[in-house]
Amino acid sequence: MGQYFKNMYDSMASIWIGMNVTLKHLFTPSITLQYPDEKWEMPERSRNQLFNDIDDCIGCDQCARACPVDCIYIETEKVGAGEDLGLTSKGTKKRLKLLRFDIDMALCCYCGLCVYPCPTECLVMTPNYEASVYDRTDLLYRYARPEDYDAAPEATEADESKDEEKAVETS
């Protein structure tokens, strides 16, 4: 009979402890954010999405060499004798044409190791943490603008089909 009352006491004590926890949280204000309308403010040095200010990039390839997962693709070309690409915002002369500067964020491990060696500080981690896409190919960010350097535009399929039609007509 003593065991019965001991079990009753233990169950009531357990219920009392649980109710105290419930009552304590019942009267404290909630900290829930209504996500699409309100967003968390990221800390100052958080490592999120990469961004490259292509106007300041000199194409030195130091960020691509520092990347442990090789998610930065850079292709450059030397400037001709009479060409002048201008200066960066810090006064560094551009000596290379950037033909390609792509960052594959699907491969990126968000370590930030590519940001530190950049001499012009054009590659930065942004506070943007929302990078949801339906297709992984949309995570390949292309920054270089070859048309800025008067590069020849690539032939499209429509141009190729027109060339084929002209070849058939002439034969």
N, C-alpha and C. Protein backbone atom coordinates (compact mmCIF):
# COMPACT_ATOMS: atom_id res chain seq x y z
N MET A 1 0.83 -1.19 0.00
CA MET A 1 0.00 0.00 0.00
C MET A 1 0.87 1.26 0.00
N GLY A 2 2.02 1.19 0.64
CA GLY A 2 2.92 2.33 0.69
C GLY A 2 3.49 2.66 -0.70
N GLN A 3 3.72 1.60 -1.49
CA GLN A 3 4.22 1.81 -2.84
C GLN A 3 3.20 2.55 -3.69
N TYR A 4 1.93 2.27 -3.48
CA TYR A 4 0.85 2.92 -4.23
C TYR A 4 0.88 4.44 -4.00
N PHE A 5 0.98 4.87 -2.73
CA PHE A 5 0.99 6.30 -2.42
C PHE A 5 2.31 6.97 -2.89
N LYS A 6 3.39 6.21 -2.87
CA LYS A 6 4.64 6.76 -3.38
C LYS A 6 4.54 7.01 -4.87
N ASN A 7 3.94 6.08 -5.61
CA ASN A 7 3.75 6.27 -7.05
C ASN A 7 2.83 7.45 -7.33
N MET A 8 1.78 7.63 -6.51
CA MET A 8 0.85 8.77 -6.67
C MET A 8 1.61 10.08 -6.43
N TYR A 9 2.43 10.10 -5.40
CA TYR A 9 3.20 11.31 -5.09
C TYR A 9 4.17 11.65 -6.24
N ASP A 10 4.88 10.64 -6.78
CA ASP A 10 5.83 10.85 -7.88
C ASP A 10 5.12 11.37 -9.13
N SER A 11 3.95 10.84 -9.42
CA SER A 11 3.21 11.29 -10.61
C SER A 11 2.73 12.73 -10.43
N MET A 12 2.23 13.09 -9.25
CA MET A 12 1.78 14.46 -9.00
C MET A 12 2.96 15.44 -9.04
N ALA A 13 4.10 15.02 -8.49
CA ALA A 13 5.28 15.88 -8.51
C ALA A 13 5.75 16.10 -9.95
N SER A 14 5.70 15.07 -10.77
CA SER A 14 6.09 15.19 -12.18
C SER A 14 5.14 16.12 -12.93
N ILE A 15 3.85 16.00 -12.68
CA ILE A 15 2.86 16.88 -13.31
C ILE A 15 3.08 18.31 -12.87
N TRP A 16 3.37 18.53 -11.58
CA TRP A 16 3.60 19.88 -11.05
C TRP A 16 4.83 20.54 -11.69
N ILE A 17 5.89 19.78 -11.87
CA ILE A 17 7.10 20.31 -12.51
C ILE A 17 6.80 20.67 -13.97
N GLY A 18 6.10 19.81 -14.70
CA GLY A 18 5.74 20.08 -16.09
C GLY A 18 4.83 21.29 -16.22
N MET A 19 3.88 21.46 -15.32
CA MET A 19 2.97 22.61 -15.36
C MET A 19 3.71 23.91 -15.05
N ASN A 20 4.70 23.86 -14.15
CA ASN A 20 5.50 25.06 -13.86
C ASN A 20 6.27 25.52 -15.11
N VAL A 21 6.83 24.57 -15.84
CA VAL A 21 7.54 24.92 -17.07
C VAL A 21 6.56 25.52 -18.08
N THR A 22 5.37 24.92 -18.21
CA THR A 22 4.36 25.42 -19.14
C THR A 22 3.91 26.82 -18.75
N LEU A 23 3.62 27.04 -17.47
CA LEU A 23 3.16 28.35 -17.03
C LEU A 23 4.24 29.42 -17.19
N LYS A 24 5.49 29.04 -16.98
CA LYS A 24 6.58 30.00 -17.16
C LYS A 24 6.66 30.48 -18.61
N HIS A 25 6.51 29.58 -19.56
CA HIS A 25 6.59 29.93 -20.98
C HIS A 25 5.29 30.53 -21.51
N LEU A 26 4.21 30.35 -20.79
CA LEU A 26 2.91 30.89 -21.22
C LEU A 26 2.92 32.41 -21.17
N PHE A 27 3.61 32.99 -20.21
CA PHE A 27 3.56 34.43 -20.02
C PHE A 27 4.82 35.17 -20.52
N THR A 28 5.74 34.48 -21.18
CA THR A 28 6.89 35.16 -21.77
C THR A 28 6.57 35.50 -23.23
N PRO A 29 7.04 36.64 -23.73
CA PRO A 29 6.75 37.02 -25.12
C PRO A 29 7.46 36.08 -26.10
N SER A 30 6.80 35.81 -27.22
CA SER A 30 7.38 34.91 -28.22
C SER A 30 8.40 35.67 -29.06
N ILE A 31 9.33 34.94 -29.66
CA ILE A 31 10.35 35.56 -30.50
C ILE A 31 10.25 35.03 -31.94
N THR A 32 9.11 34.54 -32.32
CA THR A 32 8.91 34.00 -33.65
C THR A 32 8.87 35.12 -34.67
N LEU A 33 9.59 34.93 -35.79
CA LEU A 33 9.55 35.87 -36.90
C LEU A 33 8.58 35.35 -37.95
N GLN A 34 7.84 36.23 -38.54
CA GLN A 34 6.98 35.87 -39.66
C GLN A 34 7.86 35.95 -40.90
N TYR A 35 8.44 34.81 -41.31
CA TYR A 35 9.58 34.76 -42.20
C TYR A 35 9.51 35.58 -43.49
N PRO A 36 8.57 35.40 -44.36
CA PRO A 36 8.72 36.18 -45.60
C PRO A 36 8.67 37.69 -45.37
N ASP A 37 7.93 38.12 -44.36
CA ASP A 37 7.79 39.55 -44.10
C ASP A 37 8.93 40.09 -43.25
N GLU A 38 9.38 39.33 -42.28
CA GLU A 38 10.46 39.73 -41.39
C GLU A 38 11.62 38.76 -41.56
N LYS A 39 12.83 39.27 -41.53
CA LYS A 39 14.00 38.41 -41.71
C LYS A 39 15.00 38.68 -40.60
N TRP A 40 15.76 37.64 -40.26
CA TRP A 40 16.80 37.77 -39.25
C TRP A 40 17.89 38.68 -39.79
N GLU A 41 18.43 39.51 -38.94
CA GLU A 41 19.57 40.34 -39.31
C GLU A 41 20.83 39.51 -39.09
N MET A 42 21.62 39.39 -40.14
CA MET A 42 22.82 38.56 -40.06
C MET A 42 23.94 39.31 -39.35
N PRO A 43 24.80 38.60 -38.65
CA PRO A 43 25.95 39.26 -38.01
C PRO A 43 26.86 39.89 -39.06
N GLU A 44 27.66 40.84 -38.64
CA GLU A 44 28.49 41.62 -39.56
C GLU A 44 29.46 40.75 -40.36
N ARG A 45 30.06 39.77 -39.75
CA ARG A 45 31.06 38.95 -40.43
C ARG A 45 30.52 37.59 -40.86
N SER A 46 29.23 37.49 -41.08
CA SER A 46 28.67 36.21 -41.50
C SER A 46 29.13 35.88 -42.92
N ARG A 47 29.27 34.60 -43.20
CA ARG A 47 29.73 34.15 -44.52
C ARG A 47 28.55 33.55 -45.25
N ASN A 48 28.08 34.27 -46.25
CA ASN A 48 26.94 33.84 -47.04
C ASN A 48 27.30 33.87 -48.51
N GLN A 49 26.44 34.40 -49.33
CA GLN A 49 26.64 34.40 -50.77
C GLN A 49 27.79 35.31 -51.19
N LEU A 50 28.57 34.85 -52.17
CA LEU A 50 29.69 35.63 -52.69
C LEU A 50 29.21 36.64 -53.72
N PHE A 51 29.88 37.78 -53.78
CA PHE A 51 29.61 38.79 -54.81
C PHE A 51 30.93 39.38 -55.28
N ASN A 52 31.04 39.58 -56.58
CA ASN A 52 32.24 40.16 -57.15
C ASN A 52 31.88 41.46 -57.87
N ASP A 53 32.53 42.54 -57.49
CA ASP A 53 32.38 43.81 -58.19
C ASP A 53 33.31 43.76 -59.39
N ILE A 54 32.77 43.40 -60.53
CA ILE A 54 33.56 43.11 -61.71
C ILE A 54 34.32 44.34 -62.22
N ASP A 55 33.83 45.54 -61.91
CA ASP A 55 34.52 46.75 -62.34
C ASP A 55 35.84 46.95 -61.60
N ASP A 56 35.98 46.38 -60.41
CA ASP A 56 37.21 46.50 -59.64
C ASP A 56 38.13 45.29 -59.78
N CYS A 57 37.65 44.23 -60.39
CA CYS A 57 38.43 42.99 -60.50
C CYS A 57 39.54 43.16 -61.54
N ILE A 58 40.76 42.77 -61.17
CA ILE A 58 41.90 42.86 -62.08
C ILE A 58 42.26 41.51 -62.68
N GLY A 59 41.54 40.45 -62.33
CA GLY A 59 41.78 39.13 -62.91
C GLY A 59 43.05 38.47 -62.44
N CYS A 60 43.46 38.70 -61.23
CA CYS A 60 44.74 38.18 -60.72
C CYS A 60 44.69 36.68 -60.42
N ASP A 61 43.52 36.10 -60.31
CA ASP A 61 43.33 34.66 -60.09
C ASP A 61 43.72 34.19 -58.69
N GLN A 62 43.93 35.11 -57.76
CA GLN A 62 44.32 34.71 -56.41
C GLN A 62 43.15 34.07 -55.66
N CYS A 63 41.94 34.56 -55.91
CA CYS A 63 40.78 33.98 -55.24
C CYS A 63 40.54 32.54 -55.70
N ALA A 64 40.71 32.28 -56.98
CA ALA A 64 40.50 30.92 -57.51
C ALA A 64 41.55 29.96 -56.97
N ARG A 65 42.78 30.43 -56.79
CA ARG A 65 43.85 29.58 -56.24
C ARG A 65 43.63 29.30 -54.76
N ALA A 66 43.00 30.23 -54.04
CA ALA A 66 42.78 30.05 -52.61
C ALA A 66 41.56 29.18 -52.32
N CYS A 67 40.67 29.03 -53.29
CA CYS A 67 39.43 28.27 -53.07
C CYS A 67 39.73 26.78 -52.92
N PRO A 68 39.32 26.17 -51.79
CA PRO A 68 39.63 24.76 -51.57
C PRO A 68 38.78 23.80 -52.41
N VAL A 69 37.64 24.26 -52.94
CA VAL A 69 36.77 23.37 -53.71
C VAL A 69 36.72 23.75 -55.19
N ASP A 70 37.54 24.70 -55.62
CA ASP A 70 37.63 25.12 -57.02
C ASP A 70 36.27 25.49 -57.62
N CYS A 71 35.56 26.38 -56.94
CA CYS A 71 34.25 26.81 -57.44
C CYS A 71 34.30 28.15 -58.17
N ILE A 72 35.49 28.74 -58.30
CA ILE A 72 35.65 30.01 -59.00
C ILE A 72 36.40 29.74 -60.31
N TYR A 73 35.80 30.15 -61.42
CA TYR A 73 36.38 29.94 -62.74
C TYR A 73 36.74 31.30 -63.35
N ILE A 74 38.01 31.49 -63.69
CA ILE A 74 38.47 32.75 -64.25
C ILE A 74 39.24 32.48 -65.53
N GLU A 75 38.89 33.24 -66.58
CA GLU A 75 39.66 33.22 -67.82
C GLU A 75 40.02 34.66 -68.15
N THR A 76 41.29 34.89 -68.43
CA THR A 76 41.75 36.25 -68.73
C THR A 76 42.54 36.26 -70.02
N GLU A 77 42.77 37.47 -70.50
CA GLU A 77 43.56 37.68 -71.71
C GLU A 77 44.38 38.94 -71.49
N LYS A 78 45.62 38.91 -71.95
CA LYS A 78 46.48 40.08 -71.77
C LYS A 78 45.99 41.23 -72.64
N VAL A 79 46.18 42.43 -72.14
CA VAL A 79 45.78 43.63 -72.85
C VAL A 79 46.78 43.90 -73.97
N GLY A 80 46.27 44.36 -75.11
CA GLY A 80 47.13 44.70 -76.23
C GLY A 80 47.97 45.93 -75.92
N ALA A 81 48.89 46.24 -76.81
CA ALA A 81 49.84 47.34 -76.58
C ALA A 81 49.15 48.69 -76.45
N GLY A 82 48.15 48.97 -77.27
CA GLY A 82 47.51 50.28 -77.24
C GLY A 82 46.23 50.33 -76.44
N GLU A 83 45.85 49.24 -75.80
CA GLU A 83 44.58 49.19 -75.07
C GLU A 83 44.75 49.70 -73.65
N ASP A 84 43.70 50.36 -73.19
CA ASP A 84 43.67 50.83 -71.80
C ASP A 84 42.33 50.44 -71.21
N LEU A 85 42.35 49.58 -70.21
CA LEU A 85 41.11 49.13 -69.57
C LEU A 85 40.70 50.02 -68.41
N GLY A 86 41.52 50.98 -68.08
CA GLY A 86 41.18 51.90 -66.99
C GLY A 86 41.75 51.45 -65.67
N LEU A 87 41.21 52.07 -64.62
CA LEU A 87 41.68 51.81 -63.26
C LEU A 87 40.54 51.28 -62.41
N THR A 88 40.90 50.60 -61.33
CA THR A 88 39.91 50.18 -60.36
C THR A 88 39.59 51.35 -59.44
N SER A 89 38.67 51.17 -58.53
CA SER A 89 38.31 52.24 -57.61
C SER A 89 39.44 52.59 -56.65
N LYS A 90 40.40 51.67 -56.47
CA LYS A 90 41.54 51.94 -55.59
C LYS A 90 42.76 52.43 -56.36
N GLY A 91 42.62 52.62 -57.68
CA GLY A 91 43.71 53.15 -58.48
C GLY A 91 44.61 52.12 -59.10
N THR A 92 44.31 50.83 -58.97
CA THR A 92 45.11 49.77 -59.57
C THR A 92 44.81 49.70 -61.07
N LYS A 93 45.85 49.65 -61.90
CA LYS A 93 45.67 49.58 -63.34
C LYS A 93 45.26 48.16 -63.73
N LYS A 94 44.29 48.05 -64.63
CA LYS A 94 43.86 46.75 -65.12
C LYS A 94 44.77 46.35 -66.28
N ARG A 95 45.38 45.16 -66.17
CA ARG A 95 46.29 44.68 -67.20
C ARG A 95 45.75 43.44 -67.92
N LEU A 96 44.64 42.91 -67.42
CA LEU A 96 44.06 41.70 -68.01
C LEU A 96 42.59 41.92 -68.32
N LYS A 97 42.15 41.39 -69.46
CA LYS A 97 40.73 41.39 -69.80
C LYS A 97 40.10 40.18 -69.14
N LEU A 98 38.99 40.38 -68.47
CA LEU A 98 38.27 39.26 -67.86
C LEU A 98 37.27 38.71 -68.88
N LEU A 99 37.58 37.55 -69.42
CA LEU A 99 36.67 36.91 -70.36
C LEU A 99 35.62 36.09 -69.63
N ARG A 100 36.01 35.57 -68.49
CA ARG A 100 35.08 34.74 -67.71
C ARG A 100 35.41 34.91 -66.23
N PHE A 101 34.38 35.17 -65.44
CA PHE A 101 34.49 35.14 -63.98
C PHE A 101 33.19 34.54 -63.46
N ASP A 102 33.20 33.26 -63.16
CA ASP A 102 32.02 32.54 -62.71
C ASP A 102 32.26 31.97 -61.33
N ILE A 103 31.22 31.99 -60.52
CA ILE A 103 31.27 31.36 -59.20
C ILE A 103 30.14 30.36 -59.13
N ASP A 104 30.47 29.11 -58.87
CA ASP A 104 29.47 28.05 -58.75
C ASP A 104 29.12 27.90 -57.26
N MET A 105 28.03 28.53 -56.85
CA MET A 105 27.64 28.49 -55.44
C MET A 105 27.13 27.12 -55.01
N ALA A 106 26.85 26.24 -55.97
CA ALA A 106 26.46 24.87 -55.62
C ALA A 106 27.66 24.11 -55.05
N LEU A 107 28.86 24.48 -55.44
CA LEU A 107 30.07 23.84 -54.93
C LEU A 107 30.67 24.55 -53.73
N CYS A 108 30.35 25.83 -53.57
CA CYS A 108 30.97 26.67 -52.54
C CYS A 108 30.70 26.11 -51.14
N CYS A 109 31.75 26.13 -50.31
CA CYS A 109 31.60 25.66 -48.92
C CYS A 109 31.52 26.83 -47.94
N TYR A 110 31.39 28.06 -48.46
CA TYR A 110 31.19 29.27 -47.65
C TYR A 110 32.27 29.45 -46.59
N CYS A 111 33.49 29.13 -46.94
CA CYS A 111 34.59 29.26 -45.98
C CYS A 111 35.16 30.67 -45.95
N GLY A 112 35.02 31.42 -47.04
CA GLY A 112 35.52 32.78 -47.09
C GLY A 112 37.01 32.89 -47.37
N LEU A 113 37.68 31.80 -47.69
CA LEU A 113 39.12 31.84 -47.94
C LEU A 113 39.45 32.59 -49.22
N CYS A 114 38.51 32.71 -50.13
CA CYS A 114 38.76 33.41 -51.39
C CYS A 114 38.69 34.93 -51.22
N VAL A 115 38.05 35.39 -50.18
CA VAL A 115 37.85 36.83 -49.99
C VAL A 115 39.14 37.51 -49.53
N TYR A 116 39.90 36.87 -48.67
CA TYR A 116 41.06 37.51 -48.05
C TYR A 116 42.22 37.83 -49.00
N PRO A 117 42.57 36.96 -49.97
CA PRO A 117 43.73 37.29 -50.81
C PRO A 117 43.45 38.32 -51.90
N CYS A 118 42.21 38.73 -52.10
CA CYS A 118 41.86 39.67 -53.17
C CYS A 118 42.51 41.03 -52.93
N PRO A 119 43.43 41.47 -53.83
CA PRO A 119 44.14 42.72 -53.59
C PRO A 119 43.27 43.96 -53.75
N THR A 120 42.22 43.88 -54.57
CA THR A 120 41.36 45.05 -54.78
C THR A 120 40.10 45.00 -53.91
N GLU A 121 39.95 43.95 -53.14
CA GLU A 121 38.80 43.76 -52.25
C GLU A 121 37.47 43.84 -53.00
N CYS A 122 37.45 43.28 -54.21
CA CYS A 122 36.22 43.30 -55.00
C CYS A 122 35.37 42.07 -54.74
N LEU A 123 35.95 41.01 -54.21
CA LEU A 123 35.20 39.79 -53.89
C LEU A 123 34.84 39.82 -52.42
N VAL A 124 33.54 39.81 -52.12
CA VAL A 124 33.07 39.91 -50.74
C VAL A 124 31.97 38.89 -50.48
N MET A 125 31.80 38.57 -49.21
CA MET A 125 30.67 37.75 -48.78
C MET A 125 29.54 38.69 -48.41
N THR A 126 28.37 38.51 -49.00
CA THR A 126 27.23 39.37 -48.74
C THR A 126 26.39 38.80 -47.61
N PRO A 127 25.52 39.60 -47.01
CA PRO A 127 24.62 39.07 -45.98
C PRO A 127 23.41 38.33 -46.56
N ASN A 128 23.34 38.17 -47.87
CA ASN A 128 22.23 37.47 -48.50
C ASN A 128 22.35 35.96 -48.25
N TYR A 129 21.42 35.41 -47.51
CA TYR A 129 21.46 33.99 -47.20
C TYR A 129 20.34 33.20 -47.87
N GLU A 130 19.55 33.85 -48.69
CA GLU A 130 18.46 33.18 -49.37
C GLU A 130 18.86 32.91 -50.82
N ALA A 131 19.29 31.72 -51.09
CA ALA A 131 19.74 31.35 -52.43
C ALA A 131 19.01 30.10 -52.91
N SER A 132 17.73 30.01 -52.65
CA SER A 132 16.97 28.83 -53.05
C SER A 132 16.63 28.92 -54.54
N VAL A 133 16.88 27.84 -55.24
CA VAL A 133 16.56 27.76 -56.66
C VAL A 133 15.98 26.37 -56.94
N TYR A 134 15.29 26.26 -58.07
CA TYR A 134 14.72 24.98 -58.45
C TYR A 134 15.71 24.12 -59.22
N ASP A 135 16.67 24.75 -59.87
CA ASP A 135 17.65 24.03 -60.68
C ASP A 135 19.05 24.42 -60.23
N ARG A 136 19.92 23.44 -60.04
CA ARG A 136 21.28 23.72 -59.53
C ARG A 136 22.10 24.55 -60.50
N THR A 137 21.74 24.53 -61.78
CA THR A 137 22.50 25.33 -62.74
C THR A 137 22.27 26.83 -62.53
N ASP A 138 21.20 27.19 -61.83
CA ASP A 138 20.95 28.59 -61.54
C ASP A 138 21.88 29.13 -60.44
N LEU A 139 22.64 28.26 -59.82
CA LEU A 139 23.59 28.68 -58.79
C LEU A 139 24.96 29.04 -59.36
N LEU A 140 25.09 29.04 -60.69
CA LEU A 140 26.32 29.47 -61.34
C LEU A 140 26.18 30.94 -61.68
N TYR A 141 26.90 31.79 -60.94
CA TYR A 141 26.81 33.23 -61.13
C TYR A 141 27.90 33.69 -62.08
N ARG A 142 27.49 34.37 -63.13
CA ARG A 142 28.42 34.88 -64.16
C ARG A 142 28.58 36.37 -63.97
N TYR A 143 29.81 36.82 -63.75
CA TYR A 143 30.07 38.22 -63.48
C TYR A 143 30.75 38.94 -64.64
N ALA A 144 31.59 38.26 -65.41
CA ALA A 144 32.35 38.93 -66.46
C ALA A 144 31.42 39.37 -67.59
N ARG A 145 31.76 40.52 -68.17
CA ARG A 145 31.01 41.05 -69.30
C ARG A 145 31.97 41.22 -70.46
N PRO A 146 32.16 40.19 -71.28
CA PRO A 146 33.12 40.30 -72.37
C PRO A 146 32.74 41.40 -73.37
N GLU A 147 31.48 41.76 -73.48
CA GLU A 147 31.08 42.81 -74.42
C GLU A 147 31.66 44.16 -74.03
N ASP A 148 32.05 44.31 -72.78
CA ASP A 148 32.71 45.56 -72.36
C ASP A 148 34.06 45.73 -73.05
N TYR A 149 34.68 44.63 -73.46
CA TYR A 149 35.99 44.67 -74.09
C TYR A 149 35.91 44.45 -75.59
N ASP A 150 34.74 44.66 -76.16
CA ASP A 150 34.51 44.50 -77.60
C ASP A 150 34.89 43.11 -78.08
N ALA A 151 34.54 42.10 -77.30
CA ALA A 151 34.81 40.73 -77.71
C ALA A 151 33.80 40.33 -78.78
N ALA A 152 34.19 39.44 -79.64
CA ALA A 152 33.28 38.99 -80.70
C ALA A 152 32.16 38.18 -80.08
N PRO A 153 30.91 38.48 -80.42
CA PRO A 153 29.81 37.71 -79.86
C PRO A 153 29.82 36.29 -80.41
N GLU A 154 29.40 35.37 -79.58
CA GLU A 154 29.35 33.98 -79.99
C GLU A 154 28.21 33.77 -80.97
N ALA A 155 28.40 32.88 -81.91
CA ALA A 155 27.36 32.58 -82.89
C ALA A 155 26.25 31.79 -82.23
N THR A 156 25.03 32.18 -82.51
CA THR A 156 23.89 31.47 -81.94
C THR A 156 23.42 30.40 -82.92
N GLU A 157 22.51 29.55 -82.50
CA GLU A 157 21.99 28.51 -83.37
C GLU A 157 21.25 29.10 -84.56
N ALA A 158 20.56 30.22 -84.35
CA ALA A 158 19.83 30.86 -85.44
C ALA A 158 20.81 31.36 -86.50
N ASP A 159 21.94 31.93 -86.09
CA ASP A 159 22.94 32.40 -87.04
C ASP A 159 23.53 31.23 -87.81
N GLU A 160 23.77 30.12 -87.13
CA GLU A 160 24.33 28.95 -87.79
C GLU A 160 23.36 28.38 -88.82
N SER A 161 22.06 28.36 -88.49
CA SER A 161 21.08 27.82 -89.44
C SER A 161 20.96 28.73 -90.67
N LYS A 162 21.10 30.06 -90.48
CA LYS A 162 21.09 30.99 -91.61
C LYS A 162 22.29 30.75 -92.52
N ASP A 163 23.45 30.51 -91.92
CA ASP A 163 24.64 30.22 -92.70
C ASP A 163 24.49 28.95 -93.50
N GLU A 164 23.87 27.93 -92.89
CA GLU A 164 23.64 26.68 -93.60
C GLU A 164 22.68 26.87 -94.76
N GLU A 165 21.62 27.71 -94.57
CA GLU A 165 20.67 27.97 -95.64
C GLU A 165 21.35 28.68 -96.80
N LYS A 166 22.23 29.63 -96.50
CA LYS A 166 22.96 30.35 -97.55
C LYS A 166 23.87 29.41 -98.32
N ALA A 167 24.49 28.46 -97.61
CA ALA A 167 25.37 27.50 -98.27
C ALA A 167 24.59 26.59 -99.19
N VAL A 168 23.37 26.19 -98.80
CA VAL A 168 22.53 25.35 -99.64
C VAL A 168 22.07 26.11 -100.86
N GLU A 169 21.70 27.40 -100.70
CA GLU A 169 21.23 28.22 -101.82
C GLU A 169 22.32 28.45 -102.85
N THR A 170 23.55 28.63 -102.42
CA THR A 170 24.64 28.92 -103.35
C THR A 170 25.10 27.67 -104.10
N SER A 171 24.82 26.49 -103.58
CA SER A 171 25.28 25.27 -104.25
C SER A 171 24.29 24.75 -105.27
